[in-house]
Amino acid sequence: MDLNDHIERVLWTEEQLAERISELASQITQDFKNSSLSSSSSSFPVIVGVATGAFLFLADLVRKIKLPVTIDFIRAESYGSGTKSNCSPRISCDLKLDVQGKHVILVEDIVDTGNTLFCLIGHLKSKGASSISVCTLLDKPSRRKVNFELVGDGKFYCGFECPDYFVVGYGFDYAELYRNLPFVGVLKTELYK
């Protein structure tokens, strides 16, 4: 089975993703190097990837951040095997690192309704994070249902604004397939309707 045959069209190529991720990493490096957030070695950011969708993005991003960072993962489930968020995300695997008093950068694959992000920010805040920033590869503001607030001096970093399509590739899946495609593309509707 050739997964490429299941793609209606490519939205962002491997090269476009790499270029934009380099830009995001440079911005994060600059912001944390030049701010009061990095006044001591214990203040360097904790990068928290939202499993499983953000793993490729996180791996490419952190390799380009020119600061010491620690890395952990958290799992929040809101899609199951469907194409729409169920609006009730739950944390199914928590952090191992202590984020009390730390600056956290939450790395997401996509911000859609905002429900998952709202849940995760609240969870990290309850664990005592001193600031929470968000770095998302894709943002779908047209589907936003919940507004979220960053914590402390947190910033919002976004790779691309995504049109209202169901996308796969580069970590994005449908029923756990397509994550390994090197680009982000639109899945043919007949495959999931």
N, C-alpha and C. Protein backbone atom coordinates (compact mmCIF):
# COMPACT_ATOMS: atom_id res chain seq x y z
N MET A 1 0.85 -1.17 0.00
CA MET A 1 0.00 0.00 0.00
C MET A 1 0.90 1.24 0.00
N ASP A 2 0.70 2.12 -0.96
CA ASP A 2 1.45 3.37 -1.03
C ASP A 2 0.61 4.48 -0.39
N LEU A 3 1.05 4.94 0.77
CA LEU A 3 0.30 5.95 1.50
C LEU A 3 0.19 7.27 0.72
N ASN A 4 1.15 7.53 -0.15
CA ASN A 4 1.10 8.75 -0.95
C ASN A 4 -0.15 8.81 -1.82
N ASP A 5 -0.67 7.64 -2.22
CA ASP A 5 -1.88 7.59 -3.05
C ASP A 5 -3.12 8.02 -2.27
N HIS A 6 -3.03 8.10 -0.96
CA HIS A 6 -4.17 8.47 -0.13
C HIS A 6 -4.25 9.99 0.11
N ILE A 7 -3.28 10.71 -0.44
CA ILE A 7 -3.18 12.16 -0.20
C ILE A 7 -3.80 12.93 -1.36
N GLU A 8 -4.75 13.79 -1.00
CA GLU A 8 -5.41 14.63 -2.01
C GLU A 8 -4.44 15.69 -2.53
N ARG A 9 -3.73 16.34 -1.59
CA ARG A 9 -2.69 17.30 -1.98
C ARG A 9 -1.78 17.58 -0.80
N VAL A 10 -0.58 18.00 -1.10
CA VAL A 10 0.41 18.34 -0.08
C VAL A 10 0.24 19.82 0.26
N LEU A 11 0.14 20.11 1.57
CA LEU A 11 0.03 21.52 2.00
C LEU A 11 1.40 22.11 2.28
N TRP A 12 2.27 21.32 2.98
CA TRP A 12 3.63 21.79 3.28
C TRP A 12 4.61 20.66 3.01
N THR A 13 5.60 20.95 2.19
CA THR A 13 6.60 19.96 1.81
C THR A 13 7.61 19.76 2.95
N GLU A 14 8.41 18.74 2.80
CA GLU A 14 9.48 18.46 3.76
C GLU A 14 10.41 19.66 3.89
N GLU A 15 10.73 20.30 2.77
CA GLU A 15 11.63 21.45 2.77
C GLU A 15 10.99 22.66 3.45
N GLN A 16 9.71 22.90 3.20
CA GLN A 16 9.01 24.02 3.84
C GLN A 16 8.93 23.82 5.35
N LEU A 17 8.68 22.59 5.77
CA LEU A 17 8.63 22.28 7.20
C LEU A 17 9.98 22.54 7.85
N ALA A 18 11.04 22.06 7.23
CA ALA A 18 12.39 22.22 7.78
C ALA A 18 12.75 23.70 7.92
N GLU A 19 12.43 24.49 6.91
CA GLU A 19 12.75 25.91 6.94
C GLU A 19 11.99 26.62 8.06
N ARG A 20 10.70 26.33 8.17
CA ARG A 20 9.90 27.01 9.19
C ARG A 20 10.30 26.58 10.60
N ILE A 21 10.62 25.32 10.78
CA ILE A 21 11.04 24.82 12.10
C ILE A 21 12.36 25.47 12.51
N SER A 22 13.26 25.67 11.58
CA SER A 22 14.52 26.38 11.88
C SER A 22 14.23 27.80 12.35
N GLU A 23 13.27 28.46 11.71
CA GLU A 23 12.90 29.82 12.11
C GLU A 23 12.31 29.83 13.52
N LEU A 24 11.44 28.87 13.82
CA LEU A 24 10.84 28.80 15.16
C LEU A 24 11.91 28.56 16.22
N ALA A 25 12.83 27.64 15.94
CA ALA A 25 13.91 27.33 16.89
C ALA A 25 14.77 28.56 17.13
N SER A 26 15.06 29.31 16.08
CA SER A 26 15.86 30.54 16.23
C SER A 26 15.13 31.56 17.09
N GLN A 27 13.83 31.68 16.89
CA GLN A 27 13.04 32.63 17.67
C GLN A 27 13.02 32.23 19.14
N ILE A 28 12.82 30.95 19.40
CA ILE A 28 12.82 30.46 20.79
C ILE A 28 14.18 30.68 21.43
N THR A 29 15.24 30.35 20.71
CA THR A 29 16.60 30.56 21.22
C THR A 29 16.81 32.02 21.59
N GLN A 30 16.43 32.91 20.68
CA GLN A 30 16.61 34.34 20.90
C GLN A 30 15.80 34.82 22.09
N ASP A 31 14.53 34.41 22.16
CA ASP A 31 13.65 34.87 23.23
C ASP A 31 14.15 34.42 24.60
N PHE A 32 14.60 33.19 24.70
CA PHE A 32 15.02 32.67 25.99
C PHE A 32 16.44 33.09 26.35
N LYS A 33 17.27 33.33 25.35
CA LYS A 33 18.63 33.79 25.62
C LYS A 33 18.62 35.24 26.10
N ASN A 34 17.72 36.05 25.55
CA ASN A 34 17.71 37.49 25.82
C ASN A 34 16.73 37.91 26.89
N SER A 35 16.03 36.98 27.51
CA SER A 35 15.02 37.38 28.48
C SER A 35 15.46 37.07 29.90
N SER A 36 14.70 37.59 30.82
CA SER A 36 14.95 37.29 32.23
C SER A 36 14.67 35.83 32.52
N LEU A 37 14.02 35.13 31.59
CA LEU A 37 13.71 33.72 31.80
C LEU A 37 14.98 32.88 31.91
N SER A 38 16.06 33.35 31.29
CA SER A 38 17.27 32.52 31.28
C SER A 38 18.36 33.07 32.20
N SER A 39 17.97 33.66 33.30
CA SER A 39 18.94 34.29 34.19
C SER A 39 19.83 33.29 34.93
N SER A 40 19.41 32.04 35.02
CA SER A 40 20.26 31.01 35.63
C SER A 40 20.10 29.71 34.89
N SER A 41 21.03 28.80 35.07
CA SER A 41 20.98 27.55 34.32
C SER A 41 19.72 26.74 34.64
N SER A 42 19.17 26.91 35.84
CA SER A 42 17.95 26.18 36.18
C SER A 42 16.73 26.78 35.50
N SER A 43 16.92 27.93 34.83
CA SER A 43 15.80 28.59 34.18
C SER A 43 15.65 28.24 32.72
N PHE A 44 16.56 27.43 32.19
CA PHE A 44 16.39 27.07 30.79
C PHE A 44 15.13 26.25 30.64
N PRO A 45 14.51 26.33 29.48
CA PRO A 45 13.17 25.75 29.34
C PRO A 45 13.11 24.23 29.41
N VAL A 46 11.96 23.78 29.91
CA VAL A 46 11.58 22.38 29.84
C VAL A 46 10.67 22.26 28.62
N ILE A 47 11.09 21.47 27.66
CA ILE A 47 10.30 21.26 26.46
C ILE A 47 9.40 20.06 26.71
N VAL A 48 8.09 20.26 26.61
CA VAL A 48 7.13 19.19 26.86
C VAL A 48 6.39 18.90 25.56
N GLY A 49 6.66 17.74 24.99
CA GLY A 49 5.98 17.32 23.77
C GLY A 49 4.66 16.64 24.09
N VAL A 50 3.66 16.96 23.29
CA VAL A 50 2.36 16.31 23.44
C VAL A 50 2.37 15.09 22.53
N ALA A 51 2.38 13.91 23.18
CA ALA A 51 2.46 12.65 22.44
C ALA A 51 1.07 12.33 21.88
N THR A 52 1.01 11.70 20.75
CA THR A 52 2.11 11.20 19.96
C THR A 52 2.35 12.11 18.75
N GLY A 53 1.40 12.92 18.42
CA GLY A 53 1.46 13.71 17.19
C GLY A 53 2.64 14.64 17.05
N ALA A 54 3.15 15.16 18.15
CA ALA A 54 4.20 16.18 18.08
C ALA A 54 5.61 15.62 18.07
N PHE A 55 5.78 14.28 18.06
CA PHE A 55 7.13 13.73 18.27
C PHE A 55 8.11 14.09 17.16
N LEU A 56 7.70 14.09 15.90
CA LEU A 56 8.63 14.45 14.82
C LEU A 56 8.97 15.94 14.87
N PHE A 57 7.95 16.75 15.06
CA PHE A 57 8.13 18.19 15.17
C PHE A 57 9.06 18.51 16.33
N LEU A 58 8.82 17.92 17.49
CA LEU A 58 9.64 18.17 18.67
C LEU A 58 11.09 17.77 18.40
N ALA A 59 11.31 16.61 17.81
CA ALA A 59 12.67 16.14 17.55
C ALA A 59 13.43 17.11 16.65
N ASP A 60 12.78 17.57 15.59
CA ASP A 60 13.44 18.50 14.68
C ASP A 60 13.64 19.87 15.33
N LEU A 61 12.67 20.30 16.12
CA LEU A 61 12.74 21.60 16.77
C LEU A 61 13.87 21.67 17.80
N VAL A 62 13.93 20.70 18.70
CA VAL A 62 14.92 20.78 19.78
C VAL A 62 16.35 20.65 19.28
N ARG A 63 16.54 19.96 18.15
CA ARG A 63 17.90 19.86 17.61
C ARG A 63 18.41 21.18 17.07
N LYS A 64 17.50 22.13 16.87
CA LYS A 64 17.90 23.43 16.35
C LYS A 64 17.86 24.54 17.39
N ILE A 65 17.34 24.24 18.58
CA ILE A 65 17.36 25.23 19.66
C ILE A 65 18.76 25.26 20.26
N LYS A 66 19.36 26.43 20.30
CA LYS A 66 20.75 26.58 20.74
C LYS A 66 20.83 26.99 22.21
N LEU A 67 20.15 26.24 23.06
CA LEU A 67 20.16 26.44 24.51
C LEU A 67 20.11 25.08 25.17
N PRO A 68 20.56 24.99 26.42
CA PRO A 68 20.33 23.75 27.15
C PRO A 68 18.83 23.61 27.43
N VAL A 69 18.28 22.45 27.16
CA VAL A 69 16.87 22.20 27.45
C VAL A 69 16.73 20.81 28.06
N THR A 70 15.66 20.61 28.81
CA THR A 70 15.27 19.27 29.22
C THR A 70 13.99 18.95 28.48
N ILE A 71 13.74 17.66 28.28
CA ILE A 71 12.63 17.23 27.44
C ILE A 71 11.82 16.17 28.15
N ASP A 72 10.51 16.29 28.04
CA ASP A 72 9.60 15.29 28.58
C ASP A 72 8.39 15.23 27.65
N PHE A 73 7.54 14.25 27.90
CA PHE A 73 6.32 14.09 27.11
C PHE A 73 5.12 13.97 28.03
N ILE A 74 3.99 14.41 27.51
CA ILE A 74 2.71 14.23 28.18
C ILE A 74 1.73 13.74 27.12
N ARG A 75 0.82 12.91 27.51
CA ARG A 75 -0.16 12.41 26.55
C ARG A 75 -1.54 12.88 26.96
N ALA A 76 -2.19 13.57 26.03
CA ALA A 76 -3.57 14.00 26.23
C ALA A 76 -4.37 13.48 25.05
N GLU A 77 -5.42 12.77 25.33
CA GLU A 77 -6.20 12.15 24.26
C GLU A 77 -7.53 12.86 24.08
N SER A 78 -7.79 13.26 22.84
CA SER A 78 -9.06 13.91 22.56
C SER A 78 -9.67 13.49 21.23
N TYR A 79 -8.93 12.75 20.41
CA TYR A 79 -9.44 12.36 19.11
C TYR A 79 -9.84 10.89 19.02
N GLY A 80 -9.17 10.02 19.77
CA GLY A 80 -9.41 8.59 19.59
C GLY A 80 -9.01 8.20 18.18
N SER A 81 -9.87 7.48 17.48
CA SER A 81 -9.55 7.09 16.10
C SER A 81 -10.35 7.89 15.10
N GLY A 82 -10.99 8.97 15.52
CA GLY A 82 -11.81 9.76 14.62
C GLY A 82 -11.07 10.94 14.02
N THR A 83 -11.84 11.87 13.44
CA THR A 83 -11.26 13.04 12.79
C THR A 83 -11.65 14.33 13.49
N LYS A 84 -12.47 14.23 14.52
CA LYS A 84 -12.89 15.42 15.26
C LYS A 84 -12.60 15.22 16.74
N SER A 85 -12.21 16.31 17.39
CA SER A 85 -11.95 16.27 18.82
C SER A 85 -13.24 15.97 19.57
N ASN A 86 -13.13 15.16 20.62
CA ASN A 86 -14.33 14.83 21.40
C ASN A 86 -14.62 15.87 22.47
N CYS A 87 -13.84 16.95 22.52
CA CYS A 87 -14.05 18.09 23.42
C CYS A 87 -13.82 17.78 24.89
N SER A 88 -13.44 16.56 25.22
CA SER A 88 -13.18 16.21 26.62
C SER A 88 -11.82 15.54 26.74
N PRO A 89 -10.74 16.29 26.54
CA PRO A 89 -9.43 15.66 26.60
C PRO A 89 -9.13 15.15 28.01
N ARG A 90 -8.36 14.09 28.06
CA ARG A 90 -7.92 13.56 29.35
C ARG A 90 -6.43 13.28 29.27
N ILE A 91 -5.74 13.46 30.38
CA ILE A 91 -4.31 13.20 30.44
C ILE A 91 -4.14 11.73 30.78
N SER A 92 -3.57 10.99 29.84
CA SER A 92 -3.43 9.54 30.04
C SER A 92 -2.00 9.14 30.40
N CYS A 93 -1.05 10.07 30.25
CA CYS A 93 0.33 9.80 30.66
C CYS A 93 0.95 11.13 31.06
N ASP A 94 1.34 11.23 32.32
CA ASP A 94 1.81 12.50 32.86
C ASP A 94 3.32 12.63 32.74
N LEU A 95 3.81 13.82 33.08
CA LEU A 95 5.24 14.13 33.05
C LEU A 95 6.02 13.31 34.08
N LYS A 96 7.28 13.08 33.77
CA LYS A 96 8.21 12.51 34.76
C LYS A 96 9.02 13.62 35.43
N LEU A 97 9.29 14.70 34.68
CA LEU A 97 10.07 15.82 35.22
C LEU A 97 9.21 16.71 36.11
N ASP A 98 9.86 17.30 37.09
CA ASP A 98 9.21 18.28 37.96
C ASP A 98 9.31 19.64 37.28
N VAL A 99 8.17 20.29 37.04
CA VAL A 99 8.19 21.60 36.37
C VAL A 99 7.94 22.75 37.34
N GLN A 100 7.92 22.46 38.63
CA GLN A 100 7.73 23.51 39.65
C GLN A 100 8.78 24.61 39.47
N GLY A 101 8.30 25.84 39.26
CA GLY A 101 9.20 26.99 39.11
C GLY A 101 9.94 27.04 37.80
N LYS A 102 9.60 26.19 36.84
CA LYS A 102 10.32 26.12 35.56
C LYS A 102 9.53 26.83 34.46
N HIS A 103 10.27 27.13 33.39
CA HIS A 103 9.68 27.72 32.19
C HIS A 103 9.42 26.58 31.21
N VAL A 104 8.17 26.38 30.89
CA VAL A 104 7.76 25.25 30.05
C VAL A 104 7.38 25.74 28.67
N ILE A 105 7.87 25.02 27.65
CA ILE A 105 7.40 25.24 26.28
C ILE A 105 6.66 23.97 25.89
N LEU A 106 5.36 24.09 25.74
CA LEU A 106 4.51 22.98 25.36
C LEU A 106 4.53 22.88 23.84
N VAL A 107 4.96 21.73 23.32
CA VAL A 107 5.09 21.55 21.86
C VAL A 107 3.94 20.68 21.38
N GLU A 108 3.09 21.27 20.57
CA GLU A 108 1.89 20.62 20.02
C GLU A 108 2.03 20.43 18.52
N ASP A 109 1.36 19.42 18.00
CA ASP A 109 1.32 19.28 16.54
C ASP A 109 0.33 20.28 15.95
N ILE A 110 -0.85 20.40 16.58
CA ILE A 110 -1.88 21.29 16.04
C ILE A 110 -2.74 21.83 17.18
N VAL A 111 -3.10 23.10 17.06
CA VAL A 111 -4.09 23.69 17.96
C VAL A 111 -5.36 23.83 17.14
N ASP A 112 -6.39 23.11 17.55
CA ASP A 112 -7.64 23.04 16.81
C ASP A 112 -8.72 23.75 17.63
N THR A 113 -9.53 23.02 18.35
CA THR A 113 -10.59 23.64 19.16
C THR A 113 -10.03 24.43 20.33
N GLY A 114 -8.84 24.05 20.79
CA GLY A 114 -8.24 24.68 21.95
C GLY A 114 -8.51 23.91 23.23
N ASN A 115 -9.37 22.89 23.18
CA ASN A 115 -9.71 22.12 24.39
C ASN A 115 -8.51 21.44 25.01
N THR A 116 -7.72 20.75 24.20
CA THR A 116 -6.56 20.03 24.73
C THR A 116 -5.55 21.00 25.32
N LEU A 117 -5.29 22.08 24.60
CA LEU A 117 -4.33 23.06 25.09
C LEU A 117 -4.79 23.70 26.39
N PHE A 118 -6.06 24.03 26.48
CA PHE A 118 -6.62 24.59 27.71
C PHE A 118 -6.42 23.63 28.88
N CYS A 119 -6.68 22.35 28.64
CA CYS A 119 -6.51 21.31 29.65
C CYS A 119 -5.04 21.20 30.07
N LEU A 120 -4.13 21.14 29.10
CA LEU A 120 -2.71 20.97 29.39
C LEU A 120 -2.12 22.18 30.11
N ILE A 121 -2.49 23.38 29.69
CA ILE A 121 -1.97 24.57 30.36
C ILE A 121 -2.43 24.60 31.81
N GLY A 122 -3.69 24.28 32.04
CA GLY A 122 -4.19 24.21 33.41
C GLY A 122 -3.46 23.18 34.24
N HIS A 123 -3.17 22.03 33.62
CA HIS A 123 -2.46 20.96 34.32
C HIS A 123 -1.03 21.39 34.68
N LEU A 124 -0.32 21.99 33.73
CA LEU A 124 1.05 22.44 33.99
C LEU A 124 1.09 23.59 35.00
N LYS A 125 0.09 24.44 34.95
CA LYS A 125 0.00 25.53 35.93
C LYS A 125 -0.20 24.95 37.33
N SER A 126 -1.03 23.91 37.43
CA SER A 126 -1.26 23.29 38.74
C SER A 126 0.00 22.61 39.28
N LYS A 127 0.93 22.28 38.39
CA LYS A 127 2.20 21.68 38.80
C LYS A 127 3.25 22.74 39.13
N GLY A 128 2.86 24.02 39.05
CA GLY A 128 3.74 25.10 39.49
C GLY A 128 4.67 25.67 38.44
N ALA A 129 4.42 25.43 37.14
CA ALA A 129 5.27 26.04 36.11
C ALA A 129 5.21 27.55 36.24
N SER A 130 6.36 28.21 36.16
CA SER A 130 6.37 29.67 36.33
C SER A 130 5.96 30.40 35.06
N SER A 131 6.20 29.79 33.91
CA SER A 131 5.70 30.34 32.66
C SER A 131 5.40 29.17 31.73
N ILE A 132 4.41 29.37 30.88
CA ILE A 132 4.06 28.34 29.90
C ILE A 132 3.91 29.00 28.55
N SER A 133 4.76 28.59 27.62
CA SER A 133 4.67 29.01 26.23
C SER A 133 4.14 27.84 25.43
N VAL A 134 3.66 28.12 24.23
CA VAL A 134 3.17 27.07 23.34
C VAL A 134 3.87 27.22 22.00
N CYS A 135 4.36 26.11 21.48
CA CYS A 135 4.92 26.08 20.13
C CYS A 135 4.16 25.01 19.37
N THR A 136 3.38 25.42 18.40
CA THR A 136 2.58 24.48 17.62
C THR A 136 3.01 24.53 16.16
N LEU A 137 3.03 23.38 15.54
CA LEU A 137 3.37 23.36 14.11
C LEU A 137 2.24 23.99 13.31
N LEU A 138 1.00 23.60 13.62
CA LEU A 138 -0.16 24.12 12.89
C LEU A 138 -1.16 24.73 13.86
N ASP A 139 -1.82 25.78 13.40
CA ASP A 139 -2.90 26.40 14.16
C ASP A 139 -4.11 26.50 13.24
N LYS A 140 -5.28 26.06 13.77
CA LYS A 140 -6.54 26.13 13.04
C LYS A 140 -7.50 27.05 13.79
N PRO A 141 -7.28 28.37 13.73
CA PRO A 141 -8.13 29.28 14.50
C PRO A 141 -9.59 29.24 14.08
N SER A 142 -9.88 28.80 12.87
CA SER A 142 -11.27 28.74 12.41
C SER A 142 -12.10 27.73 13.20
N ARG A 143 -11.45 26.80 13.89
CA ARG A 143 -12.16 25.77 14.66
C ARG A 143 -12.10 26.00 16.17
N ARG A 144 -11.53 27.13 16.59
CA ARG A 144 -11.34 27.39 18.01
C ARG A 144 -12.67 27.50 18.74
N LYS A 145 -12.80 26.75 19.82
CA LYS A 145 -13.98 26.80 20.68
C LYS A 145 -13.65 27.29 22.07
N VAL A 146 -12.39 27.12 22.47
CA VAL A 146 -11.96 27.47 23.82
C VAL A 146 -10.75 28.39 23.72
N ASN A 147 -10.81 29.51 24.40
CA ASN A 147 -9.65 30.39 24.47
C ASN A 147 -8.75 29.93 25.61
N PHE A 148 -7.46 30.00 25.39
CA PHE A 148 -6.50 29.60 26.42
C PHE A 148 -5.60 30.78 26.70
N GLU A 149 -5.12 30.84 27.92
CA GLU A 149 -4.21 31.90 28.31
C GLU A 149 -2.86 31.31 28.67
N LEU A 150 -1.81 31.93 28.13
CA LEU A 150 -0.46 31.51 28.47
C LEU A 150 -0.15 31.98 29.89
N VAL A 151 0.85 31.39 30.50
CA VAL A 151 1.17 31.69 31.90
C VAL A 151 2.47 32.49 31.97
N GLY A 152 2.52 33.46 32.88
CA GLY A 152 3.73 34.25 33.08
C GLY A 152 4.11 35.01 31.82
N ASP A 153 5.39 34.91 31.45
CA ASP A 153 5.90 35.57 30.24
C ASP A 153 5.76 34.68 29.01
N GLY A 154 4.84 33.72 29.03
CA GLY A 154 4.70 32.77 27.94
C GLY A 154 4.40 33.41 26.60
N LYS A 155 4.87 32.75 25.56
CA LYS A 155 4.67 33.22 24.19
C LYS A 155 3.99 32.12 23.37
N PHE A 156 3.39 32.53 22.25
CA PHE A 156 2.74 31.59 21.33
C PHE A 156 3.55 31.56 20.03
N TYR A 157 4.12 30.42 19.72
CA TYR A 157 4.90 30.23 18.49
C TYR A 157 4.10 29.33 17.57
N CYS A 158 3.94 29.75 16.32
CA CYS A 158 3.14 28.97 15.37
C CYS A 158 3.89 28.80 14.06
N GLY A 159 3.92 27.56 13.58
CA GLY A 159 4.55 27.28 12.30
C GLY A 159 3.74 27.78 11.13
N PHE A 160 2.51 27.28 11.01
CA PHE A 160 1.64 27.63 9.88
C PHE A 160 0.20 27.70 10.35
N GLU A 161 -0.58 28.58 9.74
CA GLU A 161 -2.02 28.57 9.95
C GLU A 161 -2.60 27.56 8.97
N CYS A 162 -3.39 26.64 9.49
CA CYS A 162 -3.90 25.53 8.70
C CYS A 162 -5.35 25.78 8.29
N PRO A 163 -5.64 25.62 7.00
CA PRO A 163 -7.05 25.68 6.60
C PRO A 163 -7.82 24.51 7.23
N ASP A 164 -9.12 24.56 7.17
CA ASP A 164 -9.95 23.57 7.83
C ASP A 164 -10.03 22.27 7.03
N TYR A 165 -8.91 21.56 6.97
CA TYR A 165 -8.82 20.25 6.32
C TYR A 165 -8.36 19.23 7.36
N PHE A 166 -8.64 17.97 7.09
CA PHE A 166 -8.09 16.92 7.93
C PHE A 166 -6.73 16.55 7.35
N VAL A 167 -5.67 16.81 8.11
CA VAL A 167 -4.32 16.64 7.60
C VAL A 167 -3.63 15.43 8.23
N VAL A 168 -2.71 14.87 7.47
CA VAL A 168 -1.89 13.73 7.93
C VAL A 168 -0.46 13.96 7.48
N GLY A 169 0.43 13.16 8.05
CA GLY A 169 1.85 13.24 7.71
C GLY A 169 2.62 14.02 8.74
N TYR A 170 3.91 13.80 8.80
CA TYR A 170 4.81 14.49 9.71
C TYR A 170 4.28 14.46 11.15
N GLY A 171 3.85 13.27 11.57
CA GLY A 171 3.34 13.08 12.93
C GLY A 171 1.83 13.05 13.02
N PHE A 172 1.14 13.69 12.10
CA PHE A 172 -0.32 13.69 12.11
C PHE A 172 -0.82 12.35 11.57
N ASP A 173 -1.88 11.84 12.20
CA ASP A 173 -2.36 10.52 11.81
C ASP A 173 -3.85 10.49 11.55
N TYR A 174 -4.26 9.41 10.94
CA TYR A 174 -5.66 8.99 10.94
C TYR A 174 -5.63 7.52 11.35
N ALA A 175 -6.25 7.20 12.47
CA ALA A 175 -6.26 5.84 13.02
C ALA A 175 -4.84 5.28 13.13
N GLU A 176 -3.91 6.14 13.57
CA GLU A 176 -2.50 5.80 13.80
C GLU A 176 -1.68 5.57 12.53
N LEU A 177 -2.23 5.79 11.36
CA LEU A 177 -1.48 5.67 10.11
C LEU A 177 -1.06 7.06 9.62
N TYR A 178 -0.12 7.09 8.70
CA TYR A 178 0.35 8.28 7.97
C TYR A 178 1.35 9.16 8.73
N ARG A 179 1.64 8.86 10.00
CA ARG A 179 2.56 9.71 10.76
C ARG A 179 3.93 9.82 10.09
N ASN A 180 4.35 8.78 9.39
CA ASN A 180 5.70 8.72 8.84
C ASN A 180 5.86 9.41 7.49
N LEU A 181 4.82 9.99 6.93
CA LEU A 181 4.99 10.76 5.70
C LEU A 181 5.82 12.00 6.01
N PRO A 182 6.73 12.38 5.12
CA PRO A 182 7.66 13.49 5.42
C PRO A 182 7.06 14.88 5.19
N PHE A 183 5.82 14.96 4.78
CA PHE A 183 5.15 16.22 4.49
C PHE A 183 3.82 16.25 5.23
N VAL A 184 3.14 17.40 5.19
CA VAL A 184 1.77 17.49 5.72
C VAL A 184 0.84 17.63 4.53
N GLY A 185 -0.12 16.71 4.45
CA GLY A 185 -1.04 16.71 3.32
C GLY A 185 -2.47 16.49 3.76
N VAL A 186 -3.37 16.70 2.82
CA VAL A 186 -4.80 16.52 3.05
C VAL A 186 -5.17 15.09 2.69
N LEU A 187 -5.77 14.39 3.62
CA LEU A 187 -6.20 13.01 3.39
C LEU A 187 -7.46 13.02 2.52
N LYS A 188 -7.50 12.11 1.54
CA LYS A 188 -8.69 12.01 0.67
C LYS A 188 -9.91 11.69 1.53
N THR A 189 -10.97 12.44 1.31
CA THR A 189 -12.17 12.35 2.13
C THR A 189 -12.76 10.95 2.14
N GLU A 190 -12.72 10.25 1.03
CA GLU A 190 -13.35 8.92 0.97
C GLU A 190 -12.68 7.90 1.89
N LEU A 191 -11.50 8.23 2.39
CA LEU A 191 -10.80 7.31 3.27
C LEU A 191 -11.23 7.39 4.73
N TYR A 192 -11.96 8.46 5.08
CA TYR A 192 -12.38 8.56 6.47
C TYR A 192 -13.86 8.95 6.64
N LYS A 193 -14.60 9.12 5.60
CA LYS A 193 -16.02 9.46 5.74
C LYS A 193 -16.89 8.24 5.57
